[in-house]
Amino acid sequence: MKLVQNAQPAVAKYGGDIGTMLAGADMWMRTLKIGLPISMEHHRDYTMTGRADLYQKIDYPKPDGKISFDRLTNVAFSFTNHAEDQPNHLKVADLELQKESEYEVFGGPSTRYCPAGVYEWIEEEGKEPRFQINSQNCVHCKTCDIKDPNQNINWTTPEGGGGPNYPNM
């Protein structure tokens, strides 16, 4: 990882042409154990999430069951297994902040960035929306830890080693 640590930040900051040349020079110098005397910073992923009112809502096509599948089918393919009485390994620091910011400002991106459909905003008629975590579906990708706009969701190691089990790998 040391070899390519400045590659993506260089291209993002200086553009495709100059950034690629700078990244190439840095990688070449690092193979000679020299390297540039700097370590460039890249934007944290959660800082790049924009407010929902600035974007048009995307209408995703329904999965066809041949080429594309729904999330729960994909979770089943991963053979994810958690003990039923296991404590929740996905911790929300402040549920009120989750509602006020993640849902109302950002439009609930946790329902879309999680590949296993772990997070849901349940909207019942006459009641306020509530945040539900289906931790038994978690495939331990840690996207919630990386992408949550408030850094309000913390992924912790689950008890008992549960999670995905890819038998064909």
C-alpha atoms as a PDB file:
ATOM      1  CA  MET A   1       0.000   0.000   0.000  1.00  0.00           C
ATOM      2  CA  LYS A   2       2.924   2.347   0.613  1.00  0.00           C
ATOM      3  CA  LEU A   3       3.820   2.098  -3.067  1.00  0.00           C
ATOM      4  CA  VAL A   4       0.501   3.587  -4.248  1.00  0.00           C
ATOM      5  CA  GLN A   5      -0.490   5.731  -1.264  1.00  0.00           C
ATOM      6  CA  ASN A   6      -0.378   9.006  -3.214  1.00  0.00           C
ATOM      7  CA  ALA A   7      -1.749   7.741  -6.549  1.00  0.00           C
ATOM      8  CA  GLN A   8      -5.484   8.403  -6.149  1.00  0.00           C
ATOM      9  CA  PRO A   9      -5.090  11.672  -4.178  1.00  0.00           C
ATOM     10  CA  ALA A  10      -2.678  12.997  -6.840  1.00  0.00           C
ATOM     11  CA  VAL A  11      -5.077  12.263  -9.697  1.00  0.00           C
ATOM     12  CA  ALA A  12      -8.022  13.708  -7.748  1.00  0.00           C
ATOM     13  CA  LYS A  13      -6.149  16.901  -6.875  1.00  0.00           C
ATOM     14  CA  TYR A  14      -4.155  17.602 -10.046  1.00  0.00           C
ATOM     15  CA  GLY A  15      -6.316  15.967 -12.721  1.00  0.00           C
ATOM     16  CA  GLY A  16      -5.786  13.058 -15.074  1.00  0.00           C
ATOM     17  CA  ASP A  17      -2.642  14.232 -16.895  1.00  0.00           C
ATOM     18  CA  ILE A  18      -0.505  15.956 -14.264  1.00  0.00           C
ATOM     19  CA  GLY A  19      -1.836  13.787 -11.438  1.00  0.00           C
ATOM     20  CA  THR A  20      -1.008  10.570 -13.304  1.00  0.00           C
ATOM     21  CA  MET A  21       2.527  11.758 -14.046  1.00  0.00           C
ATOM     22  CA  LEU A  22       3.035  12.815 -10.414  1.00  0.00           C
ATOM     23  CA  ALA A  23       1.595   9.512  -9.147  1.00  0.00           C
ATOM     24  CA  GLY A  24       3.794   7.542 -11.562  1.00  0.00           C
ATOM     25  CA  ALA A  25       6.913   9.438 -10.468  1.00  0.00           C
ATOM     26  CA  ASP A  26       6.045   8.874  -6.814  1.00  0.00           C
ATOM     27  CA  MET A  27       5.454   5.125  -7.356  1.00  0.00           C
ATOM     28  CA  TRP A  28       8.693   4.795  -9.344  1.00  0.00           C
ATOM     29  CA  MET A  29      10.662   6.606  -6.620  1.00  0.00           C
ATOM     30  CA  ARG A  30       9.075   4.421  -3.941  1.00  0.00           C
ATOM     31  CA  THR A  31      10.241   1.259  -5.739  1.00  0.00           C
ATOM     32  CA  LEU A  32      13.766   2.672  -5.350  1.00  0.00           C
ATOM     33  CA  LYS A  33      13.010   3.248  -1.633  1.00  0.00           C
ATOM     34  CA  ILE A  34      13.139   7.031  -2.092  1.00  0.00           C
ATOM     35  CA  GLY A  35       9.574   8.290  -2.479  1.00  0.00           C
ATOM     36  CA  LEU A  36       8.331  11.849  -2.392  1.00  0.00           C
ATOM     37  CA  PRO A  37       8.720  13.496   1.005  1.00  0.00           C
ATOM     38  CA  ILE A  38       4.962  14.053   1.246  1.00  0.00           C
ATOM     39  CA  SER A  39       1.960  11.934   2.042  1.00  0.00           C
ATOM     40  CA  MET A  40      -1.092  13.339   0.288  1.00  0.00           C
ATOM     41  CA  GLU A  41      -4.489  13.265   1.959  1.00  0.00           C
ATOM     42  CA  HIS A  42      -7.583  12.072   0.165  1.00  0.00           C
ATOM     43  CA  HIS A  43     -11.134  13.174   0.930  1.00  0.00           C
ATOM     44  CA  ARG A  44     -12.843  10.998   3.512  1.00  0.00           C
ATOM     45  CA  ASP A  45     -15.766   9.253   1.801  1.00  0.00           C
ATOM     46  CA  TYR A  46     -18.412  10.472   4.247  1.00  0.00           C
ATOM     47  CA  THR A  47     -17.496  14.128   3.582  1.00  0.00           C
ATOM     48  CA  MET A  48     -18.483  13.740  -0.066  1.00  0.00           C
ATOM     49  CA  THR A  49     -22.129  12.793   0.653  1.00  0.00           C
ATOM     50  CA  GLY A  50     -24.398  15.607  -0.481  1.00  0.00           C
ATOM     51  CA  ARG A  51     -27.755  16.752   0.859  1.00  0.00           C
ATOM     52  CA  ALA A  52     -30.713  14.917  -0.654  1.00  0.00           C
ATOM     53  CA  ASP A  53     -32.445  18.124  -1.807  1.00  0.00           C
ATOM     54  CA  LEU A  54     -29.548  18.855  -4.198  1.00  0.00           C
ATOM     55  CA  TYR A  55     -30.020  15.672  -6.229  1.00  0.00           C
ATOM     56  CA  GLN A  56     -32.742  14.033  -8.257  1.00  0.00           C
ATOM     57  CA  LYS A  57     -34.053  10.799  -6.749  1.00  0.00           C
ATOM     58  CA  ILE A  58     -32.889   7.697  -8.652  1.00  0.00           C
ATOM     59  CA  ASP A  59     -35.498   5.142  -9.618  1.00  0.00           C
ATOM     60  CA  TYR A  60     -33.607   1.854  -9.632  1.00  0.00           C
ATOM     61  CA  PRO A  61     -34.956  -0.940 -11.855  1.00  0.00           C
ATOM     62  CA  LYS A  62     -36.316  -4.051 -10.157  1.00  0.00           C
ATOM     63  CA  PRO A  63     -33.963  -7.065 -10.182  1.00  0.00           C
ATOM     64  CA  ASP A  64     -34.811  -9.603 -12.874  1.00  0.00           C
ATOM     65  CA  GLY A  65     -33.615 -12.742 -11.025  1.00  0.00           C
ATOM     66  CA  LYS A  66     -31.342 -13.758 -13.914  1.00  0.00           C
ATOM     67  CA  ILE A  67     -28.636 -11.138 -14.167  1.00  0.00           C
ATOM     68  CA  SER A  68     -29.479  -8.931 -11.196  1.00  0.00           C
ATOM     69  CA  PHE A  69     -30.792 -10.090  -7.834  1.00  0.00           C
ATOM     70  CA  ASP A  70     -32.381  -8.447  -4.838  1.00  0.00           C
ATOM     71  CA  ARG A  71     -30.242  -7.756  -1.783  1.00  0.00           C
ATOM     72  CA  LEU A  72     -31.592 -10.546   0.392  1.00  0.00           C
ATOM     73  CA  THR A  73     -30.861 -13.141  -2.311  1.00  0.00           C
ATOM     74  CA  ASN A  74     -27.294 -11.851  -2.485  1.00  0.00           C
ATOM     75  CA  VAL A  75     -27.019 -12.062   1.321  1.00  0.00           C
ATOM     76  CA  ALA A  76     -28.223 -15.673   1.092  1.00  0.00           C
ATOM     77  CA  PHE A  77     -25.442 -16.370  -1.456  1.00  0.00           C
ATOM     78  CA  SER A  78     -22.889 -15.196   1.135  1.00  0.00           C
ATOM     79  CA  PHE A  79     -24.139 -17.796   3.674  1.00  0.00           C
ATOM     80  CA  THR A  80     -24.206 -15.102   6.369  1.00  0.00           C
ATOM     81  CA  ASN A  81     -24.855 -16.569   9.775  1.00  0.00           C
ATOM     82  CA  HIS A  82     -25.178 -14.797  13.128  1.00  0.00           C
ATOM     83  CA  ALA A  83     -26.322 -16.353  16.397  1.00  0.00           C
ATOM     84  CA  GLU A  84     -29.907 -15.359  17.249  1.00  0.00           C
ATOM     85  CA  ASP A  85     -29.097 -14.153  20.769  1.00  0.00           C
ATOM     86  CA  GLN A  86     -25.972 -12.282  19.680  1.00  0.00           C
ATOM     87  CA  PRO A  87     -25.725  -8.621  20.773  1.00  0.00           C
ATOM     88  CA  ASN A  88     -25.978  -6.105  17.945  1.00  0.00           C
ATOM     89  CA  HIS A  89     -22.499  -5.370  16.578  1.00  0.00           C
ATOM     90  CA  LEU A  90     -23.693  -2.246  14.726  1.00  0.00           C
ATOM     91  CA  LYS A  91     -23.866   0.645  17.189  1.00  0.00           C
ATOM     92  CA  VAL A  92     -25.663   3.921  16.541  1.00  0.00           C
ATOM     93  CA  ALA A  93     -24.197   6.601  18.797  1.00  0.00           C
ATOM     94  CA  ASP A  94     -27.161   9.013  18.639  1.00  0.00           C
ATOM     95  CA  LEU A  95     -30.520   7.887  17.215  1.00  0.00           C
ATOM     96  CA  GLU A  96     -31.881  11.447  17.234  1.00  0.00           C
ATOM     97  CA  LEU A  97     -28.932  12.654  15.135  1.00  0.00           C
ATOM     98  CA  GLN A  98     -29.533   9.724  12.798  1.00  0.00           C
ATOM     99  CA  LYS A  99     -33.118  10.862  12.247  1.00  0.00           C
ATOM    100  CA  GLU A 100     -32.445  14.610  12.048  1.00  0.00           C
ATOM    101  CA  SER A 101     -29.427  14.445   9.772  1.00  0.00           C
ATOM    102  CA  GLU A 102     -29.045  11.088   8.026  1.00  0.00           C
ATOM    103  CA  TYR A 103     -32.765  10.776   7.239  1.00  0.00           C
ATOM    104  CA  GLU A 104     -34.063  14.338   6.967  1.00  0.00           C
ATOM    105  CA  VAL A 105     -31.006  16.077   5.456  1.00  0.00           C
ATOM    106  CA  PHE A 106     -29.305  13.297   3.468  1.00  0.00           C
ATOM    107  CA  GLY A 107     -32.414  11.259   2.597  1.00  0.00           C
ATOM    108  CA  GLY A 108     -31.433   8.045   4.404  1.00  0.00           C
ATOM    109  CA  PRO A 109     -28.393   6.940   2.377  1.00  0.00           C
ATOM    110  CA  SER A 110     -27.796   4.002   4.736  1.00  0.00           C
ATOM    111  CA  THR A 111     -30.666   2.181   3.037  1.00  0.00           C
ATOM    112  CA  ARG A 112     -28.773   2.434  -0.263  1.00  0.00           C
ATOM    113  CA  TYR A 113     -25.063   2.210   0.575  1.00  0.00           C
ATOM    114  CA  CYS A 114     -25.366  -0.994   2.600  1.00  0.00           C
ATOM    115  CA  PRO A 115     -25.043  -3.912   0.135  1.00  0.00           C
ATOM    116  CA  ALA A 116     -26.937  -6.269   2.460  1.00  0.00           C
ATOM    117  CA  GLY A 117     -29.944  -4.064   3.244  1.00  0.00           C
ATOM    118  CA  VAL A 118     -29.115  -3.977   6.962  1.00  0.00           C
ATOM    119  CA  TYR A 119     -30.522  -0.481   7.545  1.00  0.00           C
ATOM    120  CA  GLU A 120     -34.159   0.504   7.071  1.00  0.00           C
ATOM    121  CA  TRP A 121     -36.232   3.561   7.752  1.00  0.00           C
ATOM    122  CA  ILE A 122     -39.654   2.231   8.746  1.00  0.00           C
ATOM    123  CA  GLU A 123     -42.429   4.694   7.915  1.00  0.00           C
ATOM    124  CA  GLU A 124     -45.777   3.866   9.495  1.00  0.00           C
ATOM    125  CA  GLU A 125     -48.824   6.019   8.981  1.00  0.00           C
ATOM    126  CA  GLY A 126     -49.288   8.567  11.758  1.00  0.00           C
ATOM    127  CA  LYS A 127     -45.906   7.810  13.349  1.00  0.00           C
ATOM    128  CA  GLU A 128     -42.445   9.257  13.031  1.00  0.00           C
ATOM    129  CA  PRO A 129     -40.013   7.221  10.908  1.00  0.00           C
ATOM    130  CA  ARG A 130     -37.831   4.884  12.942  1.00  0.00           C
ATOM    131  CA  PHE A 131     -34.409   3.500  12.182  1.00  0.00           C
ATOM    132  CA  GLN A 132     -34.203  -0.293  12.164  1.00  0.00           C
ATOM    133  CA  ILE A 133     -30.990  -2.329  12.035  1.00  0.00           C
ATOM    134  CA  ASN A 134     -31.189  -5.893  10.714  1.00  0.00           C
ATOM    135  CA  SER A 135     -27.726  -6.898  11.936  1.00  0.00           C
ATOM    136  CA  GLN A 136     -28.307 -10.571  11.130  1.00  0.00           C
ATOM    137  CA  ASN A 137     -27.896  -9.683   7.420  1.00  0.00           C
ATOM    138  CA  CYS A 138     -24.555  -7.893   7.889  1.00  0.00           C
ATOM    139  CA  VAL A 139     -21.790  -9.143   5.578  1.00  0.00           C
ATOM    140  CA  HIS A 140     -19.125  -7.163   7.490  1.00  0.00           C
ATOM    141  CA  CYS A 141     -18.104  -4.888   4.647  1.00  0.00           C
ATOM    142  CA  LYS A 142     -17.851  -1.903   7.055  1.00  0.00           C
ATOM    143  CA  THR A 143     -19.397   0.467   4.504  1.00  0.00           C
ATOM    144  CA  CYS A 144     -21.535   1.967   7.282  1.00  0.00           C
ATOM    145  CA  ASP A 145     -18.397   2.836   9.237  1.00  0.00           C
ATOM    146  CA  ILE A 146     -16.927   4.551   6.167  1.00  0.00           C
ATOM    147  CA  LYS A 147     -19.918   6.151   4.429  1.00  0.00           C
ATOM    148  CA  ASP A 148     -22.266   7.362   7.218  1.00  0.00           C
ATOM    149  CA  PRO A 149     -22.353  11.176   6.748  1.00  0.00           C
ATOM    150  CA  ASN A 150     -22.226  11.850  10.506  1.00  0.00           C
ATOM    151  CA  GLN A 151     -19.916   8.965  11.428  1.00  0.00           C
ATOM    152  CA  ASN A 152     -22.728   7.973  13.798  1.00  0.00           C
ATOM    153  CA  ILE A 153     -22.727   4.220  13.010  1.00  0.00           C
ATOM    154  CA  ASN A 154     -19.877   2.156  14.440  1.00  0.00           C
ATOM    155  CA  TRP A 155     -19.167  -1.350  13.228  1.00  0.00           C
ATOM    156  CA  THR A 156     -17.719  -3.529  15.986  1.00  0.00           C
ATOM    157  CA  THR A 157     -16.455  -7.088  15.843  1.00  0.00           C
ATOM    158  CA  PRO A 158     -19.417  -9.450  16.281  1.00  0.00           C
ATOM    159  CA  GLU A 159     -19.510 -11.914  19.118  1.00  0.00           C
ATOM    160  CA  GLY A 160     -18.748 -15.533  18.292  1.00  0.00           C
ATOM    161  CA  GLY A 161     -17.238 -15.002  14.847  1.00  0.00           C
ATOM    162  CA  GLY A 162     -20.556 -14.860  12.966  1.00  0.00           C
ATOM    163  CA  GLY A 163     -20.906 -13.335   9.545  1.00  0.00           C
ATOM    164  CA  PRO A 164     -20.420 -14.289   5.923  1.00  0.00           C
ATOM    165  CA  ASN A 165     -19.056 -17.718   5.056  1.00  0.00           C
ATOM    166  CA  TYR A 166     -18.093 -18.001   1.405  1.00  0.00           C
ATOM    167  CA  PRO A 167     -17.729 -21.771   0.919  1.00  0.00           C
ATOM    168  CA  ASN A 168     -16.739 -21.653  -2.761  1.00  0.00           C
ATOM    169  CA  MET A 169     -13.750 -19.341  -2.304  1.00  0.00           C
END
